[in-house]
C-alpha atoms as a PDB file:
ATOM      1  CA  UNK A   1     -20.205  11.671  11.977  1.00  0.00           C
ATOM      2  CA  UNK A   2     -19.871   9.457   8.919  1.00  0.00           C
ATOM      3  CA  UNK A   3     -16.786   9.301   6.688  1.00  0.00           C
ATOM      4  CA  UNK A   4     -18.733  10.846   3.800  1.00  0.00           C
ATOM      5  CA  UNK A   5     -19.306  13.958   5.950  1.00  0.00           C
ATOM      6  CA  UNK A   6     -15.597  14.682   6.474  1.00  0.00           C
ATOM      7  CA  UNK A   7     -14.222  17.735   4.675  1.00  0.00           C
ATOM      8  CA  UNK A   8     -10.692  18.172   3.392  1.00  0.00           C
ATOM      9  CA  UNK A   9      -7.965  15.535   3.515  1.00  0.00           C
ATOM     10  CA  UNK A  10      -7.951  12.767   6.120  1.00  0.00           C
ATOM     11  CA  UNK A  11      -5.829   9.694   6.854  1.00  0.00           C
ATOM     12  CA  UNK A  12      -6.782   6.081   6.261  1.00  0.00           C
ATOM     13  CA  UNK A  13      -4.327   3.635   7.888  1.00  0.00           C
ATOM     14  CA  UNK A  14      -4.103   0.159   6.356  1.00  0.00           C
ATOM     15  CA  UNK A  15      -2.241  -2.457   8.398  1.00  0.00           C
ATOM     16  CA  UNK A  16       0.273  -4.621   6.548  1.00  0.00           C
ATOM     17  CA  UNK A  17       1.097  -7.682   8.679  1.00  0.00           C
ATOM     18  CA  UNK A  18       4.428  -9.421   9.164  1.00  0.00           C
ATOM     19  CA  UNK A  19       5.155 -11.934   6.396  1.00  0.00           C
ATOM     20  CA  UNK A  20       7.833 -14.607   6.787  1.00  0.00           C
ATOM     21  CA  UNK A  21      10.511 -14.964   4.090  1.00  0.00           C
ATOM     22  CA  UNK A  22       9.026 -16.728   1.088  1.00  0.00           C
ATOM     23  CA  UNK A  23       5.461 -15.938   2.124  1.00  0.00           C
ATOM     24  CA  UNK A  24       2.734 -13.785   0.680  1.00  0.00           C
ATOM     25  CA  UNK A  25       0.256 -11.496   2.389  1.00  0.00           C
ATOM     26  CA  UNK A  26      -0.934  -7.938   2.668  1.00  0.00           C
ATOM     27  CA  UNK A  27      -3.751  -5.729   3.857  1.00  0.00           C
ATOM     28  CA  UNK A  28      -7.154  -4.569   2.659  1.00  0.00           C
ATOM     29  CA  UNK A  29      -9.407  -1.538   2.949  1.00  0.00           C
ATOM     30  CA  UNK A  30     -12.952  -1.298   1.598  1.00  0.00           C
ATOM     31  CA  UNK A  31     -13.983   2.258   0.760  1.00  0.00           C
ATOM     32  CA  UNK A  32     -17.200   3.303   2.514  1.00  0.00           C
ATOM     33  CA  UNK A  33     -17.941   5.932  -0.161  1.00  0.00           C
ATOM     34  CA  UNK A  34     -16.306   7.640  -3.165  1.00  0.00           C
ATOM     35  CA  UNK A  35     -12.760   8.819  -2.343  1.00  0.00           C
ATOM     36  CA  UNK A  36      -9.784  10.368  -4.112  1.00  0.00           C
ATOM     37  CA  UNK A  37      -6.258   9.335  -3.108  1.00  0.00           C
ATOM     38  CA  UNK A  38      -4.096  12.402  -2.432  1.00  0.00           C
ATOM     39  CA  UNK A  39      -0.846  10.814  -1.179  1.00  0.00           C
ATOM     40  CA  UNK A  40       0.527   7.614   0.326  1.00  0.00           C
ATOM     41  CA  UNK A  41       3.388   6.704   2.655  1.00  0.00           C
ATOM     42  CA  UNK A  42       4.555   3.385   4.052  1.00  0.00           C
ATOM     43  CA  UNK A  43       5.822   3.069   7.630  1.00  0.00           C
ATOM     44  CA  UNK A  44       7.660  -0.149   8.478  1.00  0.00           C
ATOM     45  CA  UNK A  45       7.857  -1.753  11.925  1.00  0.00           C
ATOM     46  CA  UNK A  46      11.546  -2.633  11.430  1.00  0.00           C
ATOM     47  CA  UNK A  47      14.353  -1.620   9.103  1.00  0.00           C
ATOM     48  CA  UNK A  48      14.641  -3.416   5.764  1.00  0.00           C
ATOM     49  CA  UNK A  49      17.875  -4.098   3.896  1.00  0.00           C
ATOM     50  CA  UNK A  50      17.195  -5.115   0.317  1.00  0.00           C
ATOM     51  CA  UNK A  51      19.010  -8.077  -1.209  1.00  0.00           C
ATOM     52  CA  UNK A  52      19.930  -8.886  -4.802  1.00  0.00           C
ATOM     53  CA  UNK A  53      18.169 -12.213  -5.339  1.00  0.00           C
ATOM     54  CA  UNK A  54      15.867 -12.921  -2.385  1.00  0.00           C
ATOM     55  CA  UNK A  55      13.488 -10.052  -1.644  1.00  0.00           C
ATOM     56  CA  UNK A  56       9.853  -9.018  -1.374  1.00  0.00           C
ATOM     57  CA  UNK A  57       7.788  -6.570  -3.381  1.00  0.00           C
ATOM     58  CA  UNK A  58       4.888  -4.544  -2.033  1.00  0.00           C
ATOM     59  CA  UNK A  59       2.220  -3.573  -4.575  1.00  0.00           C
ATOM     60  CA  UNK A  60      -0.825  -1.311  -4.324  1.00  0.00           C
ATOM     61  CA  UNK A  61      -4.042  -2.104  -6.217  1.00  0.00           C
ATOM     62  CA  UNK A  62      -7.676  -1.085  -6.422  1.00  0.00           C
ATOM     63  CA  UNK A  63      -9.289  -4.500  -6.774  1.00  0.00           C
ATOM     64  CA  UNK A  64     -12.632  -3.296  -8.150  1.00  0.00           C
ATOM     65  CA  UNK A  65     -15.198  -6.034  -7.468  1.00  0.00           C
ATOM     66  CA  UNK A  66     -12.320  -8.220  -6.264  1.00  0.00           C
ATOM     67  CA  UNK A  67     -10.726  -8.470  -9.699  1.00  0.00           C
ATOM     68  CA  UNK A  68      -9.524  -4.996 -10.697  1.00  0.00           C
ATOM     69  CA  UNK A  69      -5.935  -4.369 -11.704  1.00  0.00           C
ATOM     70  CA  UNK A  70      -5.661  -0.601 -11.235  1.00  0.00           C
ATOM     71  CA  UNK A  71      -2.347   0.174  -9.544  1.00  0.00           C
ATOM     72  CA  UNK A  72      -2.768   3.399  -7.543  1.00  0.00           C
ATOM     73  CA  UNK A  73       0.909   3.588  -6.497  1.00  0.00           C
ATOM     74  CA  UNK A  74       4.157   2.227  -7.896  1.00  0.00           C
ATOM     75  CA  UNK A  75       5.242  -1.109  -6.435  1.00  0.00           C
ATOM     76  CA  UNK A  76       8.420  -1.153  -4.332  1.00  0.00           C
ATOM     77  CA  UNK A  77      10.794  -4.118  -4.641  1.00  0.00           C
ATOM     78  CA  UNK A  78      13.167  -4.358  -1.675  1.00  0.00           C
ATOM     79  CA  UNK A  79      15.958  -5.649  -3.868  1.00  0.00           C
ATOM     80  CA  UNK A  80      19.655  -4.740  -3.811  1.00  0.00           C
ATOM     81  CA  UNK A  81      20.117  -1.126  -2.691  1.00  0.00           C
ATOM     82  CA  UNK A  82      16.452  -0.531  -1.829  1.00  0.00           C
ATOM     83  CA  UNK A  83      16.213  -0.122   1.930  1.00  0.00           C
ATOM     84  CA  UNK A  84      13.853   1.331   4.530  1.00  0.00           C
ATOM     85  CA  UNK A  85      14.373   2.579   8.069  1.00  0.00           C
ATOM     86  CA  UNK A  86      12.069   1.594  10.926  1.00  0.00           C
ATOM     87  CA  UNK A  87       9.308   4.135  11.632  1.00  0.00           C
ATOM     88  CA  UNK A  88      10.478   6.450   8.834  1.00  0.00           C
ATOM     89  CA  UNK A  89       7.910   7.304   6.167  1.00  0.00           C
ATOM     90  CA  UNK A  90       8.612   6.027   2.657  1.00  0.00           C
ATOM     91  CA  UNK A  91       6.765   8.303   0.224  1.00  0.00           C
ATOM     92  CA  UNK A  92       5.102   6.283  -2.518  1.00  0.00           C
ATOM     93  CA  UNK A  93       4.845   7.428  -6.114  1.00  0.00           C
ATOM     94  CA  UNK A  94       1.181   7.670  -7.053  1.00  0.00           C
ATOM     95  CA  UNK A  95      -0.115   6.795 -10.496  1.00  0.00           C
ATOM     96  CA  UNK A  96       0.114   9.685 -12.943  1.00  0.00           C
ATOM     97  CA  UNK A  97      -3.293   8.670 -14.344  1.00  0.00           C
ATOM     98  CA  UNK A  98      -5.893  10.705 -12.449  1.00  0.00           C
ATOM     99  CA  UNK A  99      -8.596   8.031 -12.807  1.00  0.00           C
ATOM    100  CA  UNK A 100      -6.361   5.501 -11.012  1.00  0.00           C
ATOM    101  CA  UNK A 101      -6.615   7.632  -7.863  1.00  0.00           C
ATOM    102  CA  UNK A 102     -10.418   7.648  -7.783  1.00  0.00           C
ATOM    103  CA  UNK A 103     -11.994   5.031  -5.546  1.00  0.00           C
ATOM    104  CA  UNK A 104     -15.677   4.121  -5.797  1.00  0.00           C
ATOM    105  CA  UNK A 105     -17.820   3.144  -2.831  1.00  0.00           C
ATOM    106  CA  UNK A 106     -17.193  -0.538  -1.962  1.00  0.00           C
ATOM    107  CA  UNK A 107     -13.927  -0.748  -3.942  1.00  0.00           C
ATOM    108  CA  UNK A 108     -11.261  -2.760  -2.131  1.00  0.00           C
ATOM    109  CA  UNK A 109      -7.769  -1.312  -1.900  1.00  0.00           C
ATOM    110  CA  UNK A 110      -5.324  -4.193  -1.677  1.00  0.00           C
ATOM    111  CA  UNK A 111      -1.728  -4.014  -0.451  1.00  0.00           C
ATOM    112  CA  UNK A 112       0.019  -7.168  -1.645  1.00  0.00           C
ATOM    113  CA  UNK A 113       3.328  -8.744  -0.624  1.00  0.00           C
ATOM    114  CA  UNK A 114       4.982 -11.131  -3.092  1.00  0.00           C
ATOM    115  CA  UNK A 115       8.434 -12.690  -2.953  1.00  0.00           C
ATOM    116  CA  UNK A 116      11.284 -13.346  -5.350  1.00  0.00           C
ATOM    117  CA  UNK A 117      13.665 -16.246  -4.761  1.00  0.00           C
ATOM    118  CA  UNK A 118      13.423 -17.430  -1.158  1.00  0.00           C
ATOM    119  CA  UNK A 119      12.106 -14.025  -0.197  1.00  0.00           C
ATOM    120  CA  UNK A 120      12.947 -11.597   2.593  1.00  0.00           C
ATOM    121  CA  UNK A 121      11.074 -11.029   5.841  1.00  0.00           C
ATOM    122  CA  UNK A 122       8.443  -8.305   5.539  1.00  0.00           C
ATOM    123  CA  UNK A 123       8.443  -6.769   9.028  1.00  0.00           C
ATOM    124  CA  UNK A 124       4.895  -5.431   8.782  1.00  0.00           C
ATOM    125  CA  UNK A 125       3.857  -1.834   9.002  1.00  0.00           C
ATOM    126  CA  UNK A 126       1.161   0.624   8.044  1.00  0.00           C
ATOM    127  CA  UNK A 127       0.241   2.182   4.731  1.00  0.00           C
ATOM    128  CA  UNK A 128      -0.983   5.717   5.450  1.00  0.00           C
ATOM    129  CA  UNK A 129      -3.285   6.944   2.694  1.00  0.00           C
ATOM    130  CA  UNK A 130      -4.263  10.574   2.586  1.00  0.00           C
ATOM    131  CA  UNK A 131      -7.670  10.753   0.912  1.00  0.00           C
ATOM    132  CA  UNK A 132     -10.574  13.113   0.439  1.00  0.00           C
ATOM    133  CA  UNK A 133     -14.242  12.606  -0.264  1.00  0.00           C
ATOM    134  CA  UNK A 134     -15.477  13.243  -3.785  1.00  0.00           C
END
């Protein structure tokens, strides 16, 4: 069975690797066919305690043809007071623009880690996208 033959919602896991403090990184997924993003959660491999000046931000883009700037979910900055618990789903806020949630065949979804100050260790985890064919 091919992905385009699936009916209803299904999960697409996207691995986000460990990134040392001060580093950059992320994960990628290339859509095999036209999809619509229904929901998204982030599961971390370790707990995260945000800090005021040295932290990381995780951002979620559809990099159409490698250069797109569509943000399908709101970025999360693990700054002061923003924390996460190991293996506990963090529900992401999806874009309120319906078109931002539509993925064309061969679009690349990019999960990007950037740092502020000297950064904070990104423990790695998995972005779980719930999608459906369109």
